[in-house]
Amino acid sequence: MQPNTLNTQQKKSLRGIAHHLDPVVAVSERGLSEGIVEETERALRDHELIKIKVFGIDRAARDEITTTLAAQAQAVVLQKIGKVAVLYRSNPQANPKLSNVARYLENPNF
């Protein structure tokens, strides 16, 4: 599944898989840094589907940081609730033991 070709049902399914995940990347109030972008890249490469937490008071600033980070990582934002966002980027060579999507498809009771 490529991010730009996801239909509504696929997005809904991925959001359901992400429901039980914990954020793996945290963005401080200082905003994005090269390290955060690199960690997001690594997390998406390994897990395909991740949650990030963006700290900050202003909602518009959090939304902008989430959108910018997703664009830099070539991922799609599936959901934003409060300070937490769900990002997805397909990796055809993902390790099935690390990929949240592959693990769920292997064991739907995840």
Protein backbone atom coordinates (compact mmCIF):
# COMPACT_ATOMS: atom_id res chain seq x y z
CA MET A 1 0.00 0.00 0.00
CA GLN A 2 1.45 3.33 -1.05
CA PRO A 3 0.42 6.33 1.07
CA ASN A 4 -0.99 8.31 -1.84
CA THR A 5 -3.12 5.38 -3.01
CA LEU A 6 -4.78 4.53 0.30
CA ASN A 7 -8.55 4.44 0.15
CA THR A 8 -10.81 5.29 3.07
CA GLN A 9 -11.18 1.68 4.21
CA GLN A 10 -7.40 1.12 4.22
CA LYS A 11 -6.87 4.29 6.24
CA LYS A 12 -9.53 3.19 8.71
CA SER A 13 -7.90 -0.23 9.04
CA LEU A 14 -4.46 1.30 9.64
CA ARG A 15 -5.88 3.66 12.27
CA GLY A 16 -7.35 0.61 14.01
CA ILE A 17 -3.95 -1.11 14.02
CA ALA A 18 -2.35 2.05 15.41
CA HIS A 19 -4.87 2.36 18.23
CA HIS A 20 -2.85 0.19 20.63
CA LEU A 21 0.55 1.64 19.71
CA ASP A 22 2.53 4.02 21.92
CA PRO A 23 4.27 7.08 20.48
CA VAL A 24 7.83 6.26 19.39
CA VAL A 25 8.90 9.80 18.46
CA ALA A 26 8.43 12.89 20.61
CA VAL A 27 8.82 16.42 19.27
CA SER A 28 9.53 19.01 21.96
CA GLU A 29 8.20 22.54 22.05
CA ARG A 30 11.41 23.62 20.32
CA GLY A 31 10.18 22.03 17.10
CA LEU A 32 11.80 19.80 14.53
CA SER A 33 15.47 18.98 14.42
CA GLU A 34 17.56 16.80 12.13
CA GLY A 35 17.67 14.12 14.83
CA ILE A 36 13.89 13.96 15.07
CA VAL A 37 13.56 13.63 11.30
CA GLU A 38 16.18 10.85 11.26
CA GLU A 39 14.48 8.99 14.12
CA THR A 40 11.12 9.28 12.35
CA GLU A 41 12.71 7.90 9.16
CA ARG A 42 14.15 4.95 11.11
CA ALA A 43 10.88 4.26 12.90
CA LEU A 44 8.89 4.34 9.64
CA ARG A 45 11.44 2.10 7.91
CA ASP A 46 11.22 -0.46 10.72
CA HIS A 47 7.58 -0.20 11.78
CA GLU A 48 5.77 1.40 8.79
CA LEU A 49 2.99 2.63 11.10
CA ILE A 50 3.94 4.83 14.05
CA LYS A 51 2.56 7.30 16.53
CA ILE A 52 4.33 10.55 17.27
CA LYS A 53 3.71 12.99 20.10
CA VAL A 54 4.09 16.71 19.43
CA PHE A 55 4.38 18.89 22.51
CA GLY A 56 3.34 22.50 22.28
CA ILE A 57 0.56 24.75 23.41
CA ASP A 58 -0.67 26.02 20.06
CA ARG A 59 -2.77 23.58 18.03
CA ALA A 60 -1.89 25.19 14.70
CA ALA A 61 1.84 24.87 15.46
CA ARG A 62 1.42 21.18 16.36
CA ASP A 63 -0.48 20.58 13.12
CA GLU A 64 2.21 22.36 11.10
CA ILE A 65 5.00 20.35 12.75
CA THR A 66 3.14 17.09 12.10
CA THR A 67 2.51 17.97 8.46
CA THR A 68 6.12 19.10 7.92
CA LEU A 69 7.55 15.99 9.55
CA ALA A 70 5.30 13.73 7.46
CA ALA A 71 6.33 15.54 4.28
CA GLN A 72 10.04 15.27 5.11
CA ALA A 73 9.63 11.56 5.87
CA GLN A 74 7.43 11.01 2.78
CA ALA A 75 4.69 9.61 5.00
CA VAL A 76 0.97 10.19 5.25
CA VAL A 77 -0.76 11.53 8.35
CA LEU A 78 -3.61 9.11 9.05
CA GLN A 79 -4.92 10.75 12.19
CA LYS A 80 -4.32 13.63 14.60
CA ILE A 81 -5.88 13.60 18.04
CA GLY A 82 -4.64 16.19 20.50
CA LYS A 83 -0.86 15.96 20.71
CA VAL A 84 -0.65 12.51 19.09
CA ALA A 85 -0.51 11.80 15.36
CA VAL A 86 -0.38 8.54 13.39
CA LEU A 87 2.02 8.36 10.42
CA TYR A 88 2.25 5.64 7.79
CA ARG A 89 4.79 4.89 5.09
CA SER A 90 4.85 1.56 3.29
CA ASN A 91 8.08 -0.43 3.26
CA PRO A 92 7.96 -3.51 0.99
CA GLN A 93 11.18 -4.83 2.56
CA ALA A 94 10.07 -4.30 6.16
CA ASN A 95 11.12 -6.89 8.71
CA PRO A 96 7.89 -8.78 9.56
CA LYS A 97 8.95 -8.98 13.21
CA LEU A 98 9.24 -5.19 13.46
CA SER A 99 6.49 -3.97 11.13
CA ASN A 100 3.32 -3.10 13.02
CA VAL A 101 1.28 -3.75 9.87
CA ALA A 102 2.84 -7.17 9.12
CA ARG A 103 2.53 -8.27 12.75
CA TYR A 104 -1.14 -7.32 12.79
CA LEU A 105 -1.87 -9.11 9.50
CA GLU A 106 -0.07 -12.15 10.87
CA ASN A 107 -2.01 -12.05 14.18
CA PRO A 108 -5.23 -9.97 13.98
CA ASN A 109 -5.71 -10.24 17.75
CA PHE A 110 -2.50 -8.18 18.18
